[in-house]
N, C-alpha and C. Protein backbone atom coordinates (compact mmCIF):
# COMPACT_ATOMS: atom_id res chain seq x y z
N UNK A 1 1.08 -1.23 0.12
CA UNK A 1 0.24 0.12 -0.24
C UNK A 1 0.95 1.23 -0.06
N UNK A 2 0.28 2.46 0.37
CA UNK A 2 1.26 3.68 0.65
C UNK A 2 1.82 3.69 1.78
N UNK A 3 3.07 4.78 2.16
CA UNK A 3 3.94 4.78 3.03
C UNK A 3 3.75 6.30 3.54
N UNK A 4 3.64 6.66 4.56
CA UNK A 4 3.10 7.73 5.01
C UNK A 4 4.68 8.40 4.34
N UNK A 5 4.35 10.29 4.47
CA UNK A 5 5.27 10.68 3.83
C UNK A 5 6.10 10.77 2.53
N UNK A 6 5.75 9.41 2.22
CA UNK A 6 6.52 9.15 0.72
C UNK A 6 5.34 10.25 -0.45
N UNK A 7 6.28 10.23 -1.70
CA UNK A 7 5.85 10.99 -2.79
C UNK A 7 5.39 10.11 -3.78
N UNK A 8 3.85 10.23 -4.29
CA UNK A 8 3.39 9.08 -5.32
C UNK A 8 3.01 9.54 -6.40
N UNK A 9 3.01 9.65 -7.91
CA UNK A 9 2.51 10.10 -9.11
C UNK A 9 1.11 9.78 -9.15
N UNK A 10 0.68 10.34 -9.79
CA UNK A 10 -1.18 10.15 -9.92
C UNK A 10 -1.16 8.82 -10.82
N UNK A 11 -0.28 8.36 -11.23
CA UNK A 11 -0.19 6.55 -11.87
C UNK A 11 -0.12 6.08 -10.94
N UNK A 12 0.56 6.22 -9.82
CA UNK A 12 0.97 5.22 -8.83
C UNK A 12 -0.90 5.19 -8.08
N UNK A 13 -1.41 5.76 -7.95
CA UNK A 13 -2.02 6.33 -7.52
C UNK A 13 -3.42 5.25 -8.19
N UNK A 14 -3.77 5.90 -9.41
CA UNK A 14 -4.18 5.30 -10.28
C UNK A 14 -4.54 3.61 -9.93
N UNK A 15 -2.89 3.65 -10.26
CA UNK A 15 -2.90 1.99 -10.33
C UNK A 15 -3.28 1.46 -9.30
N UNK A 16 -3.17 2.01 -8.22
CA UNK A 16 -3.37 1.07 -6.58
C UNK A 16 -5.17 1.50 -6.57
N UNK A 17 -5.56 2.63 -6.66
CA UNK A 17 -6.90 2.84 -6.26
C UNK A 17 -8.06 2.73 -7.33
N UNK A 18 -6.98 3.23 -8.45
CA UNK A 18 -8.26 3.31 -9.68
C UNK A 18 -9.01 4.39 -9.66
N UNK A 19 -9.84 4.98 -10.60
CA UNK A 19 -10.44 6.36 -10.93
C UNK A 19 -9.74 7.51 -11.61
N UNK A 20 -10.00 8.18 -12.51
CA UNK A 20 -9.63 9.17 -12.60
C UNK A 20 -8.32 10.30 -12.42
N UNK A 21 -7.65 10.00 -13.28
CA UNK A 21 -6.28 10.34 -13.03
C UNK A 21 -5.82 12.28 -12.35
N UNK A 22 -6.93 12.57 -13.06
CA UNK A 22 -7.02 14.47 -13.19
C UNK A 22 -8.18 14.61 -11.68
N UNK A 23 -9.00 13.64 -11.83
CA UNK A 23 -10.07 14.35 -10.73
C UNK A 23 -9.39 14.49 -9.27
N UNK A 24 -9.28 15.10 -8.40
CA UNK A 24 -9.03 15.58 -6.59
C UNK A 24 -9.80 14.55 -5.91
N UNK A 25 -10.70 13.83 -6.50
CA UNK A 25 -11.34 13.06 -5.80
C UNK A 25 -11.86 11.94 -6.60
N UNK A 26 -11.03 11.12 -6.88
CA UNK A 26 -11.11 10.03 -8.11
C UNK A 26 -12.13 8.73 -7.98
N UNK A 27 -13.16 8.62 -8.28
CA UNK A 27 -13.95 7.76 -8.24
C UNK A 27 -14.01 6.45 -8.65
N UNK A 28 -14.51 5.23 -8.51
CA UNK A 28 -14.20 4.04 -8.81
C UNK A 28 -15.32 3.34 -8.49
N UNK A 29 -16.34 3.08 -9.11
CA UNK A 29 -17.38 1.55 -9.06
C UNK A 29 -18.35 2.46 -8.01
N UNK A 30 -18.51 3.94 -8.23
CA UNK A 30 -19.72 4.76 -7.23
C UNK A 30 -18.79 5.06 -6.30
N UNK A 31 -17.92 4.57 -5.89
CA UNK A 31 -16.66 5.19 -4.71
C UNK A 31 -16.04 6.13 -4.80
N UNK A 32 -15.84 7.17 -3.56
CA UNK A 32 -14.48 8.28 -3.91
C UNK A 32 -13.47 6.98 -3.28
N UNK A 33 -12.25 6.93 -4.16
CA UNK A 33 -11.09 6.08 -3.90
C UNK A 33 -9.63 6.74 -2.98
N UNK A 34 -9.72 7.96 -3.29
CA UNK A 34 -8.80 8.72 -2.58
C UNK A 34 -8.80 10.25 -3.13
N UNK A 35 -7.98 11.43 -2.08
CA UNK A 35 -8.31 12.32 -2.34
C UNK A 35 -6.98 12.84 -2.72
N UNK A 36 -6.38 13.65 -3.38
CA UNK A 36 -5.39 14.65 -4.28
C UNK A 36 -5.60 15.67 -3.88
N UNK A 37 -5.15 16.20 -2.90
CA UNK A 37 -5.37 18.55 -2.51
C UNK A 37 -4.41 18.81 -2.77
N UNK A 38 -4.74 20.19 -3.91
CA UNK A 38 -3.51 21.25 -3.96
C UNK A 38 -3.73 22.21 -2.72
N UNK A 39 -2.56 22.19 -1.83
CA UNK A 39 -3.09 23.25 -0.48
C UNK A 39 -3.26 24.86 -1.50
N UNK A 40 -2.92 25.07 -2.52
CA UNK A 40 -3.23 26.45 -2.63
C UNK A 40 -4.75 26.38 -2.91
N UNK A 41 -5.82 25.04 -3.52
CA UNK A 41 -7.37 25.13 -3.56
C UNK A 41 -7.97 24.42 -2.19
N UNK A 42 -7.06 24.31 -1.43
CA UNK A 42 -7.86 23.19 0.26
C UNK A 42 -6.68 23.62 1.33
N UNK A 43 -6.63 24.99 1.56
CA UNK A 43 -5.71 25.06 2.83
C UNK A 43 -5.64 24.46 4.13
N UNK A 44 -6.93 24.32 4.29
CA UNK A 44 -6.76 23.22 5.55
C UNK A 44 -6.37 21.67 5.22
N UNK A 45 -6.28 21.26 4.34
CA UNK A 45 -6.07 20.05 3.54
C UNK A 45 -4.94 19.45 4.57
N UNK A 46 -4.83 18.20 5.36
CA UNK A 46 -6.17 17.03 4.42
C UNK A 46 -7.14 17.15 6.03
N UNK A 47 -7.54 18.07 6.49
CA UNK A 47 -8.74 17.56 7.56
C UNK A 47 -9.67 18.45 6.76
N UNK A 48 -9.70 19.62 5.73
CA UNK A 48 -10.63 19.68 5.25
C UNK A 48 -10.40 20.21 3.62
N UNK A 49 -11.69 19.31 2.93
CA UNK A 49 -11.80 19.22 1.47
C UNK A 49 -12.77 20.38 1.12
N UNK A 50 -12.37 21.18 0.10
CA UNK A 50 -13.47 22.13 -0.54
C UNK A 50 -14.30 21.36 -1.99
N UNK A 51 -15.19 21.29 -1.99
CA UNK A 51 -15.51 20.86 -3.45
C UNK A 51 -16.60 22.56 -4.18
N UNK A 52 -15.88 22.33 -5.21
CA UNK A 52 -16.30 23.58 -5.75
C UNK A 52 -17.97 23.20 -6.54
N UNK A 53 -18.44 24.08 -7.46
CA UNK A 53 -19.75 24.16 -8.08
C UNK A 53 -19.46 23.25 -8.93
N UNK A 54 -18.62 23.21 -9.78
CA UNK A 54 -18.42 22.49 -11.00
C UNK A 54 -18.94 21.00 -10.82
N UNK A 55 -19.79 20.50 -11.71
CA UNK A 55 -20.57 19.29 -12.00
C UNK A 55 -19.52 17.89 -11.62
N UNK A 56 -18.76 17.52 -11.72
CA UNK A 56 -17.83 16.75 -11.32
C UNK A 56 -17.44 16.54 -9.96
N UNK A 57 -17.23 17.93 -9.66
CA UNK A 57 -16.52 18.52 -7.98
C UNK A 57 -17.88 18.06 -7.48
N UNK A 58 -19.25 18.82 -7.38
CA UNK A 58 -20.15 18.43 -6.67
C UNK A 58 -20.54 17.01 -6.55
N UNK A 59 -20.49 16.07 -7.61
CA UNK A 59 -21.27 14.79 -7.52
C UNK A 59 -20.10 14.10 -6.96
N UNK A 60 -18.66 14.28 -7.06
CA UNK A 60 -18.06 13.16 -6.38
C UNK A 60 -17.84 13.99 -4.77
N UNK A 61 -18.30 14.89 -4.28
CA UNK A 61 -18.38 15.91 -2.93
C UNK A 61 -19.54 14.99 -2.12
N UNK A 62 -20.73 15.05 -3.53
CA UNK A 62 -21.78 14.46 -2.66
C UNK A 62 -21.51 13.04 -2.37
N UNK A 63 -21.06 12.61 -3.21
CA UNK A 63 -20.30 10.70 -3.05
C UNK A 63 -20.08 10.65 -1.97
N UNK A 64 -18.73 11.43 -1.83
CA UNK A 64 -17.71 10.80 -0.56
C UNK A 64 -18.56 11.41 1.03
N UNK A 65 -19.62 12.58 1.23
CA UNK A 65 -20.08 12.75 2.05
C UNK A 65 -20.96 11.55 2.87
N UNK A 66 -21.36 10.47 1.54
CA UNK A 66 -22.10 9.54 2.14
C UNK A 66 -21.15 8.40 2.51
N UNK A 67 -19.96 8.35 2.40
CA UNK A 67 -19.32 6.98 2.33
C UNK A 67 -18.80 6.68 3.79
N UNK A 68 -18.78 5.79 4.03
CA UNK A 68 -18.02 5.14 5.74
C UNK A 68 -16.85 5.11 5.64
N UNK A 69 -16.77 4.30 4.54
CA UNK A 69 -15.16 4.07 4.70
C UNK A 69 -14.07 5.08 4.77
N UNK A 70 -12.65 4.79 5.07
CA UNK A 70 -11.50 5.85 4.85
C UNK A 70 -10.82 5.39 3.33
N UNK A 71 -10.57 6.78 3.30
CA UNK A 71 -9.54 6.83 1.86
C UNK A 71 -8.36 7.16 1.95
N UNK A 72 -7.16 6.94 1.25
CA UNK A 72 -5.82 7.73 1.26
C UNK A 72 -6.25 9.23 0.72
N UNK A 73 -5.11 9.52 1.52
CA UNK A 73 -5.05 11.34 1.41
C UNK A 73 -3.95 11.45 0.71
N UNK A 74 -3.78 12.08 -0.23
CA UNK A 74 -2.54 12.98 -0.68
C UNK A 74 -2.67 14.47 -0.86
N UNK A 75 -1.05 15.01 -0.51
CA UNK A 75 -0.90 16.62 -0.58
C UNK A 75 -0.05 16.85 -2.05
N UNK A 76 -0.57 17.87 -2.58
CA UNK A 76 0.57 18.03 -4.22
C UNK A 76 1.65 18.64 -3.67
N UNK A 77 2.67 18.26 -3.90
CA UNK A 77 4.28 18.64 -3.35
C UNK A 77 4.61 19.53 -4.60
N UNK A 78 4.46 19.60 -5.91
CA UNK A 78 5.12 19.74 -7.29
C UNK A 78 4.66 18.72 -8.50
N UNK A 79 5.01 19.22 -9.24
CA UNK A 79 4.76 18.66 -10.87
C UNK A 79 4.70 16.76 -10.89
N UNK A 80 3.57 16.09 -10.54
CA UNK A 80 3.13 14.90 -10.47
C UNK A 80 4.09 14.41 -9.12
N UNK A 81 3.95 14.95 -8.18
CA UNK A 81 4.47 14.69 -6.59
C UNK A 81 3.40 14.76 -5.63
N UNK A 82 2.74 13.61 -5.43
CA UNK A 82 2.22 13.80 -4.05
C UNK A 82 2.03 12.56 -3.02
N UNK A 83 2.32 13.87 -1.61
CA UNK A 83 2.33 13.39 -0.58
C UNK A 83 1.34 12.21 0.11
N UNK A 84 1.87 11.20 0.54
CA UNK A 84 0.79 10.60 0.98
C UNK A 84 0.86 10.94 2.61
N UNK A 85 -0.50 11.50 3.48
CA UNK A 85 -0.51 11.89 4.53
C UNK A 85 -1.27 10.96 5.83
N UNK A 86 -1.41 9.86 5.12
CA UNK A 86 -2.61 8.51 5.87
C UNK A 86 -3.92 8.55 5.19
N UNK A 87 -5.00 8.02 5.89
CA UNK A 87 -6.01 7.53 5.85
C UNK A 87 -7.22 8.14 6.59
N UNK A 88 -8.10 8.41 6.11
CA UNK A 88 -9.22 9.49 6.19
C UNK A 88 -10.45 9.09 6.33
N UNK A 89 -11.80 9.84 7.38
CA UNK A 89 -12.87 9.45 6.38
C UNK A 89 -13.45 10.51 6.76
N UNK A 90 -14.61 10.59 6.39
CA UNK A 90 -15.41 11.81 6.60
C UNK A 90 -15.92 11.81 8.05
N UNK A 91 -15.75 12.77 8.56
CA UNK A 91 -16.30 13.42 9.96
C UNK A 91 -17.68 14.39 10.03
N UNK A 92 -17.56 15.22 8.91
CA UNK A 92 -18.68 15.99 8.92
C UNK A 92 -19.01 16.37 7.47
N UNK A 93 -19.93 17.13 6.73
CA UNK A 93 -20.19 17.35 5.40
C UNK A 93 -21.47 18.73 5.54
N UNK A 94 -20.65 19.65 5.34
CA UNK A 94 -21.03 21.10 5.57
C UNK A 94 -21.63 21.65 4.09
N UNK A 95 -22.82 22.14 4.02
CA UNK A 95 -23.72 22.46 2.59
C UNK A 95 -23.70 23.94 2.66
N UNK A 96 -24.30 24.22 3.73
CA UNK A 96 -24.73 25.94 3.82
C UNK A 96 -23.71 26.35 3.36
N UNK A 97 -24.07 27.76 3.05
CA UNK A 97 -23.05 28.90 3.01
C UNK A 97 -22.59 29.61 4.09
N UNK A 98 -23.49 29.78 5.09
CA UNK A 98 -22.54 30.17 6.48
C UNK A 98 -21.77 29.24 7.06
N UNK A 99 -21.92 27.62 7.01
CA UNK A 99 -21.41 26.72 7.66
C UNK A 99 -19.96 26.37 6.64
N UNK A 100 -19.57 26.81 5.33
CA UNK A 100 -19.01 26.79 4.45
C UNK A 100 -17.80 27.75 4.80
N UNK A 101 -18.53 29.07 4.57
CA UNK A 101 -17.69 30.01 4.70
C UNK A 101 -16.40 30.89 5.23
N UNK A 102 -16.40 29.96 6.30
CA UNK A 102 -14.93 30.30 7.39
C UNK A 102 -14.00 28.93 6.91
N UNK A 103 -14.46 28.20 5.77
CA UNK A 103 -13.34 27.48 5.04
C UNK A 103 -12.43 27.68 4.10
N UNK A 104 -13.04 28.94 3.79
CA UNK A 104 -12.78 29.09 2.05
C UNK A 104 -11.71 29.80 2.13
N UNK A 105 -11.12 30.51 3.43
CA UNK A 105 -10.04 31.56 3.42
C UNK A 105 -9.00 31.54 2.88
N UNK A 106 -8.29 31.78 1.70
CA UNK A 106 -7.13 31.44 1.24
C UNK A 106 -7.23 30.31 0.36
N UNK A 107 -7.74 29.85 -0.22
CA UNK A 107 -8.41 29.01 -1.37
C UNK A 107 -8.67 29.41 -2.55
N UNK A 108 -8.75 31.11 -2.80
CA UNK A 108 -8.87 31.69 -3.83
C UNK A 108 -10.48 30.95 -4.70
N UNK A 109 -11.21 30.76 -4.01
CA UNK A 109 -12.57 30.37 -4.00
C UNK A 109 -13.55 31.58 -3.51
N UNK A 110 -14.82 31.86 -3.73
CA UNK A 110 -15.63 32.31 -3.28
C UNK A 110 -16.56 31.43 -2.43
N UNK A 111 -17.16 32.19 -1.81
CA UNK A 111 -18.45 31.31 -1.30
C UNK A 111 -19.49 30.71 -2.22
N UNK A 112 -19.81 31.53 -3.05
CA UNK A 112 -20.85 31.32 -4.12
C UNK A 112 -20.09 30.06 -5.20
N UNK A 113 -18.48 29.82 -5.46
CA UNK A 113 -18.35 28.55 -6.12
C UNK A 113 -17.91 27.56 -4.93
N UNK A 114 -18.99 27.45 -4.01
CA UNK A 114 -18.35 26.43 -3.23
C UNK A 114 -19.50 25.12 -2.84
N UNK A 115 -19.79 24.22 -3.25
CA UNK A 115 -20.97 23.60 -3.27
C UNK A 115 -21.23 22.90 -1.89
N UNK A 116 -19.54 22.22 -1.41
CA UNK A 116 -19.55 21.57 0.28
C UNK A 116 -18.69 21.44 0.54
N UNK A 117 -18.28 21.53 2.02
CA UNK A 117 -17.13 21.31 2.62
C UNK A 117 -17.21 19.93 3.17
N UNK A 118 -16.14 19.22 3.03
CA UNK A 118 -16.36 17.87 4.23
C UNK A 118 -15.13 18.01 4.88
N UNK A 119 -15.60 17.85 5.81
CA UNK A 119 -14.46 17.53 7.08
C UNK A 119 -14.15 16.08 7.51
N UNK A 120 -12.59 16.02 7.56
CA UNK A 120 -11.96 14.55 7.57
C UNK A 120 -11.66 14.35 8.79
N UNK A 121 -11.42 12.81 9.28
CA UNK A 121 -10.37 12.52 10.55
C UNK A 121 -9.33 11.36 10.40
N UNK A 122 -8.54 11.78 10.68
CA UNK A 122 -7.34 10.38 10.43
C UNK A 122 -7.82 9.26 10.84
N UNK A 123 -7.74 7.97 10.41
CA UNK A 123 -8.40 7.11 10.98
C UNK A 123 -7.77 6.15 11.15
N UNK A 124 -6.43 6.02 10.76
CA UNK A 124 -4.74 5.30 10.85
C UNK A 124 -3.67 5.71 9.99
N UNK A 125 -2.44 6.07 10.62
CA UNK A 125 -1.28 6.03 9.79
C UNK A 125 -0.77 5.68 8.93
N UNK A 126 -0.88 4.43 8.81
CA UNK A 126 -0.27 3.39 8.24
C UNK A 126 -1.07 1.92 7.19
């Protein structure tokens, strides 16, 4: 599986987890299989995931919000380098603008561009 603190390519992540290599929440067989988060769009990552109002992001956010299983989370380090930071599961899903607003600071998003904020909790480190 993945090793905490080690960098992986999107191909590595795809080979192990499946899903779309470009999606920040790749899905496979109707489930989100990983989170690949860029700090500039998710400044509170890995504990907070921002889902935009784009159709794919909205759908993946809804899917993840319903899941009970944990997923591997990766933080972007540079050109095709994604650092594995552990296994996380959904703790809370927020959808109202009032609840989401405090989490968009530093993300480059406006509140009108966010459909959902998903708070994650670490489930295990290896």
